[in-house]
């Protein structure tokens, strides 16, 4: 059994026991989170597709980690102008462990 969920403006395919990194969600490590934006649920031969979400379906997950990703370097330069700009960015993320999918 797996589901397609939407969180943080992105879509993910998840199954029970999976671990995935999503955009930052509120909560502490160990807290339980319910994701109700379930777009599709597949259980063997049974497929439920939502319009846009499946009614009554939800995915429960536990927050495994709150952190920041590796630094991405942004470097801008204009030749012969003396313009150089170097910046870095570390995106916040939440690591989730999928516990249960209910349709």
N, C-alpha and C. Protein backbone atom coordinates (compact mmCIF):
# COMPACT_ATOMS: atom_id res chain seq x y z
N UNK A 1 0.85 -1.18 0.00
CA UNK A 1 0.00 0.00 0.00
C UNK A 1 0.89 1.23 0.00
N UNK A 2 0.57 2.17 -0.88
CA UNK A 2 1.28 3.43 -0.89
C UNK A 2 0.32 4.57 -1.21
N UNK A 3 0.80 5.80 -0.98
CA UNK A 3 -0.03 6.98 -1.21
C UNK A 3 0.82 8.08 -1.82
N UNK A 4 0.15 8.97 -2.52
CA UNK A 4 0.79 10.19 -3.03
C UNK A 4 0.27 11.33 -2.17
N UNK A 5 1.19 12.03 -1.49
CA UNK A 5 0.80 13.13 -0.61
C UNK A 5 1.37 14.43 -1.13
N UNK A 6 0.78 15.54 -0.66
CA UNK A 6 1.26 16.87 -1.04
C UNK A 6 1.57 17.63 0.24
N UNK A 7 2.80 18.13 0.35
CA UNK A 7 3.19 18.97 1.47
C UNK A 7 4.32 19.88 1.02
N UNK A 8 4.27 21.12 1.45
CA UNK A 8 5.31 22.07 1.09
C UNK A 8 5.35 22.39 -0.39
N UNK A 9 4.21 22.24 -1.09
CA UNK A 9 4.17 22.55 -2.51
C UNK A 9 4.76 21.46 -3.40
N UNK A 10 5.09 20.31 -2.82
CA UNK A 10 5.67 19.20 -3.58
C UNK A 10 4.84 17.95 -3.33
N UNK A 11 4.99 16.97 -4.21
CA UNK A 11 4.28 15.70 -4.07
C UNK A 11 5.28 14.59 -3.83
N UNK A 12 4.91 13.65 -2.95
CA UNK A 12 5.77 12.54 -2.58
C UNK A 12 4.99 11.24 -2.61
N UNK A 13 5.66 10.16 -3.04
CA UNK A 13 5.07 8.82 -2.94
C UNK A 13 5.61 8.19 -1.68
N UNK A 14 4.71 7.77 -0.78
CA UNK A 14 5.13 7.23 0.51
C UNK A 14 4.45 5.90 0.78
N UNK A 15 5.13 5.07 1.56
CA UNK A 15 4.59 3.80 2.05
C UNK A 15 4.94 3.73 3.53
N UNK A 16 4.28 2.83 4.25
CA UNK A 16 4.55 2.68 5.68
C UNK A 16 6.00 2.28 5.89
N UNK A 17 6.67 2.97 6.82
CA UNK A 17 8.07 2.69 7.12
C UNK A 17 9.06 3.56 6.37
N UNK A 18 8.60 4.33 5.39
CA UNK A 18 9.50 5.20 4.62
C UNK A 18 9.95 6.39 5.46
N UNK A 19 11.13 6.90 5.14
CA UNK A 19 11.64 8.13 5.73
C UNK A 19 11.89 9.12 4.59
N UNK A 20 11.38 10.35 4.74
CA UNK A 20 11.58 11.34 3.70
C UNK A 20 11.77 12.71 4.31
N UNK A 21 12.45 13.57 3.56
CA UNK A 21 12.68 14.96 3.97
C UNK A 21 11.70 15.86 3.23
N UNK A 22 10.98 16.68 4.00
CA UNK A 22 10.02 17.61 3.43
C UNK A 22 10.36 19.02 3.90
N UNK A 23 9.67 20.00 3.35
CA UNK A 23 9.84 21.38 3.81
C UNK A 23 9.48 21.44 5.30
N UNK A 24 10.05 22.40 6.01
CA UNK A 24 9.91 22.48 7.46
C UNK A 24 8.46 22.48 7.91
N UNK A 25 8.15 21.61 8.89
CA UNK A 25 6.85 21.54 9.54
C UNK A 25 7.04 21.88 11.01
N UNK A 26 6.01 22.45 11.63
CA UNK A 26 6.07 22.78 13.04
C UNK A 26 6.00 21.50 13.88
N UNK A 27 6.77 21.48 14.97
CA UNK A 27 6.73 20.33 15.87
C UNK A 27 8.13 19.95 16.30
N UNK A 28 8.18 19.18 17.39
CA UNK A 28 9.46 18.72 17.93
C UNK A 28 9.71 17.28 17.49
N UNK A 29 10.96 16.86 17.64
CA UNK A 29 11.32 15.48 17.30
C UNK A 29 10.52 14.52 18.18
N UNK A 30 9.90 13.53 17.55
CA UNK A 30 9.08 12.56 18.27
C UNK A 30 7.59 12.86 18.20
N UNK A 31 7.22 14.07 17.78
CA UNK A 31 5.80 14.42 17.65
C UNK A 31 5.18 13.67 16.47
N UNK A 32 3.87 13.46 16.56
CA UNK A 32 3.14 12.80 15.48
C UNK A 32 2.47 13.87 14.62
N UNK A 33 2.48 13.66 13.30
CA UNK A 33 1.93 14.62 12.35
C UNK A 33 0.94 13.90 11.45
N UNK A 34 -0.21 14.53 11.19
CA UNK A 34 -1.19 13.98 10.26
C UNK A 34 -1.14 14.79 8.97
N UNK A 35 -0.94 14.12 7.86
CA UNK A 35 -0.93 14.76 6.56
C UNK A 35 -2.24 14.39 5.86
N UNK A 36 -3.09 15.38 5.65
CA UNK A 36 -4.42 15.11 5.10
C UNK A 36 -4.53 15.43 3.61
N UNK A 37 -3.49 16.01 3.01
CA UNK A 37 -3.50 16.26 1.57
C UNK A 37 -3.06 14.99 0.84
N UNK A 38 -3.92 13.99 0.81
CA UNK A 38 -3.62 12.72 0.15
C UNK A 38 -4.27 12.76 -1.23
N UNK A 39 -3.45 12.71 -2.28
CA UNK A 39 -3.95 12.85 -3.64
C UNK A 39 -4.37 11.51 -4.25
N UNK A 40 -3.71 10.41 -3.82
CA UNK A 40 -4.02 9.10 -4.36
C UNK A 40 -3.60 8.03 -3.37
N UNK A 41 -4.40 6.96 -3.27
CA UNK A 41 -4.08 5.83 -2.42
C UNK A 41 -4.18 4.57 -3.26
N UNK A 42 -3.12 3.74 -3.22
CA UNK A 42 -3.10 2.48 -3.96
C UNK A 42 -2.94 1.35 -2.96
N UNK A 43 -3.91 0.42 -2.96
CA UNK A 43 -3.88 -0.74 -2.06
C UNK A 43 -4.06 -1.99 -2.91
N UNK A 44 -2.95 -2.56 -3.36
CA UNK A 44 -3.02 -3.72 -4.24
C UNK A 44 -3.61 -3.34 -5.59
N UNK A 45 -4.78 -3.90 -5.90
CA UNK A 45 -5.46 -3.59 -7.16
C UNK A 45 -6.40 -2.40 -7.03
N UNK A 46 -6.70 -1.97 -5.80
CA UNK A 46 -7.62 -0.87 -5.57
C UNK A 46 -6.88 0.46 -5.64
N UNK A 47 -7.36 1.35 -6.49
CA UNK A 47 -6.75 2.67 -6.65
C UNK A 47 -7.82 3.72 -6.40
N UNK A 48 -7.54 4.64 -5.45
CA UNK A 48 -8.46 5.75 -5.19
C UNK A 48 -7.74 7.03 -5.57
N UNK A 49 -8.32 7.76 -6.52
CA UNK A 49 -7.74 9.02 -6.97
C UNK A 49 -8.66 10.14 -6.50
N UNK A 50 -8.09 11.15 -5.87
CA UNK A 50 -8.87 12.26 -5.35
C UNK A 50 -9.09 13.34 -6.39
N UNK A 51 -10.08 14.18 -6.13
CA UNK A 51 -10.35 15.31 -7.00
C UNK A 51 -10.55 16.56 -6.17
N UNK A 52 -9.59 17.24 -5.63
CA UNK A 52 -8.16 16.96 -5.76
C UNK A 52 -7.61 16.02 -4.68
N UNK A 53 -8.33 15.85 -3.55
CA UNK A 53 -7.82 14.96 -2.49
C UNK A 53 -8.81 13.83 -2.25
N UNK A 54 -8.31 12.72 -1.69
CA UNK A 54 -9.16 11.59 -1.37
C UNK A 54 -9.87 11.89 -0.05
N UNK A 55 -11.20 11.78 -0.05
CA UNK A 55 -11.99 12.07 1.15
C UNK A 55 -11.71 11.04 2.24
N UNK A 56 -11.43 11.50 3.45
CA UNK A 56 -11.23 10.63 4.60
C UNK A 56 -9.87 9.97 4.67
N UNK A 57 -9.01 10.19 3.70
CA UNK A 57 -7.69 9.57 3.71
C UNK A 57 -6.70 10.46 4.45
N UNK A 58 -5.81 9.82 5.20
CA UNK A 58 -4.76 10.59 5.88
C UNK A 58 -3.54 9.70 6.09
N UNK A 59 -2.42 10.35 6.22
CA UNK A 59 -1.15 9.67 6.46
C UNK A 59 -0.61 10.17 7.79
N UNK A 60 -0.30 9.25 8.70
CA UNK A 60 0.29 9.63 9.98
C UNK A 60 1.78 9.37 9.92
N UNK A 61 2.53 10.34 10.42
CA UNK A 61 3.99 10.25 10.40
C UNK A 61 4.54 10.77 11.72
N UNK A 62 5.76 10.40 12.01
CA UNK A 62 6.44 10.87 13.21
C UNK A 62 7.65 11.68 12.77
N UNK A 63 7.88 12.80 13.45
CA UNK A 63 9.01 13.66 13.12
C UNK A 63 10.28 12.99 13.63
N UNK A 64 11.18 12.66 12.71
CA UNK A 64 12.43 11.99 13.07
C UNK A 64 13.56 12.99 13.28
N UNK A 65 13.51 14.13 12.57
CA UNK A 65 14.61 15.09 12.65
C UNK A 65 14.14 16.45 12.17
N UNK A 66 14.64 17.50 12.80
CA UNK A 66 14.48 18.87 12.33
C UNK A 66 15.89 19.37 12.05
N UNK A 67 16.15 19.85 10.85
CA UNK A 67 17.52 20.25 10.56
C UNK A 67 17.61 21.21 9.40
N UNK A 68 18.84 21.40 8.96
CA UNK A 68 19.13 22.26 7.83
C UNK A 68 19.99 21.49 6.83
N UNK A 69 19.70 21.67 5.56
CA UNK A 69 20.41 20.96 4.50
C UNK A 69 21.81 21.53 4.31
N UNK A 70 22.59 20.90 3.45
CA UNK A 70 23.93 21.39 3.14
C UNK A 70 23.85 22.77 2.50
N UNK A 71 24.91 23.53 2.66
CA UNK A 71 24.92 24.89 2.15
C UNK A 71 25.04 24.91 0.63
N UNK A 72 24.22 25.76 0.02
CA UNK A 72 24.27 26.00 -1.41
C UNK A 72 24.92 27.36 -1.59
N UNK A 73 25.96 27.43 -2.40
CA UNK A 73 26.68 28.68 -2.63
C UNK A 73 26.10 29.40 -3.84
N UNK A 74 25.78 30.68 -3.67
CA UNK A 74 25.28 31.52 -4.75
C UNK A 74 26.39 32.52 -5.07
N UNK A 75 26.90 32.49 -6.29
CA UNK A 75 27.99 33.39 -6.69
C UNK A 75 27.57 34.14 -7.94
N UNK A 76 27.57 35.48 -7.85
CA UNK A 76 27.23 36.32 -8.99
C UNK A 76 28.45 37.16 -9.36
N UNK A 77 28.62 37.38 -10.66
CA UNK A 77 29.77 38.15 -11.12
C UNK A 77 29.43 38.82 -12.44
N UNK A 78 29.88 40.06 -12.59
CA UNK A 78 29.79 40.74 -13.87
C UNK A 78 31.21 41.06 -14.30
N UNK A 79 31.57 40.62 -15.46
CA UNK A 79 32.95 40.80 -15.90
C UNK A 79 33.28 42.27 -16.13
N UNK A 80 34.48 42.60 -15.77
CA UNK A 80 35.07 43.94 -15.96
C UNK A 80 34.34 45.04 -15.18
N UNK A 81 33.47 44.70 -14.24
CA UNK A 81 32.74 45.71 -13.49
C UNK A 81 33.16 45.76 -12.01
N UNK A 82 33.94 44.80 -11.58
CA UNK A 82 34.32 44.74 -10.17
C UNK A 82 33.15 44.28 -9.30
N UNK A 83 32.16 43.64 -9.88
CA UNK A 83 30.98 43.19 -9.14
C UNK A 83 31.09 41.69 -8.90
N UNK A 84 31.25 41.34 -7.64
CA UNK A 84 31.27 39.94 -7.23
C UNK A 84 30.45 39.81 -5.96
N UNK A 85 29.60 38.81 -5.90
CA UNK A 85 28.74 38.61 -4.75
C UNK A 85 28.70 37.12 -4.43
N UNK A 86 29.02 36.78 -3.19
CA UNK A 86 29.00 35.39 -2.77
C UNK A 86 28.11 35.26 -1.55
N UNK A 87 27.10 34.40 -1.65
CA UNK A 87 26.18 34.17 -0.55
C UNK A 87 25.94 32.68 -0.41
N UNK A 88 25.51 32.30 0.77
CA UNK A 88 25.17 30.90 1.01
C UNK A 88 23.76 30.78 1.54
N UNK A 89 23.17 29.59 1.38
CA UNK A 89 21.81 29.35 1.86
C UNK A 89 21.70 27.91 2.36
N UNK A 90 21.10 27.75 3.54
CA UNK A 90 20.83 26.41 4.07
C UNK A 90 19.33 26.30 4.31
N UNK A 91 18.68 25.40 3.58
CA UNK A 91 17.24 25.24 3.66
C UNK A 91 16.86 24.39 4.87
N UNK A 92 15.84 24.84 5.62
CA UNK A 92 15.33 24.07 6.75
C UNK A 92 14.51 22.89 6.24
N UNK A 93 14.58 21.76 6.92
CA UNK A 93 13.80 20.60 6.52
C UNK A 93 13.30 19.85 7.75
N UNK A 94 12.33 18.99 7.53
CA UNK A 94 11.81 18.08 8.55
C UNK A 94 11.87 16.67 7.97
N UNK A 95 12.50 15.75 8.69
CA UNK A 95 12.56 14.36 8.26
C UNK A 95 11.39 13.62 8.92
N UNK A 96 10.58 12.95 8.12
CA UNK A 96 9.40 12.24 8.60
C UNK A 96 9.58 10.74 8.40
N UNK A 97 9.09 9.97 9.37
CA UNK A 97 8.99 8.52 9.23
C UNK A 97 7.51 8.19 9.14
N UNK A 98 7.10 7.60 8.02
CA UNK A 98 5.70 7.29 7.77
C UNK A 98 5.31 6.08 8.61
N UNK A 99 4.23 6.24 9.38
CA UNK A 99 3.78 5.16 10.26
C UNK A 99 2.58 4.42 9.70
N UNK A 100 1.58 5.16 9.19
CA UNK A 100 0.33 4.53 8.81
C UNK A 100 -0.35 5.30 7.69
N UNK A 101 -1.02 4.57 6.80
CA UNK A 101 -1.82 5.17 5.74
C UNK A 101 -3.25 4.64 5.88
N UNK A 102 -4.20 5.56 6.05
CA UNK A 102 -5.60 5.16 6.15
C UNK A 102 -6.38 5.77 5.01
N UNK A 103 -7.23 4.96 4.38
CA UNK A 103 -7.97 5.45 3.21
C UNK A 103 -9.44 5.58 3.53
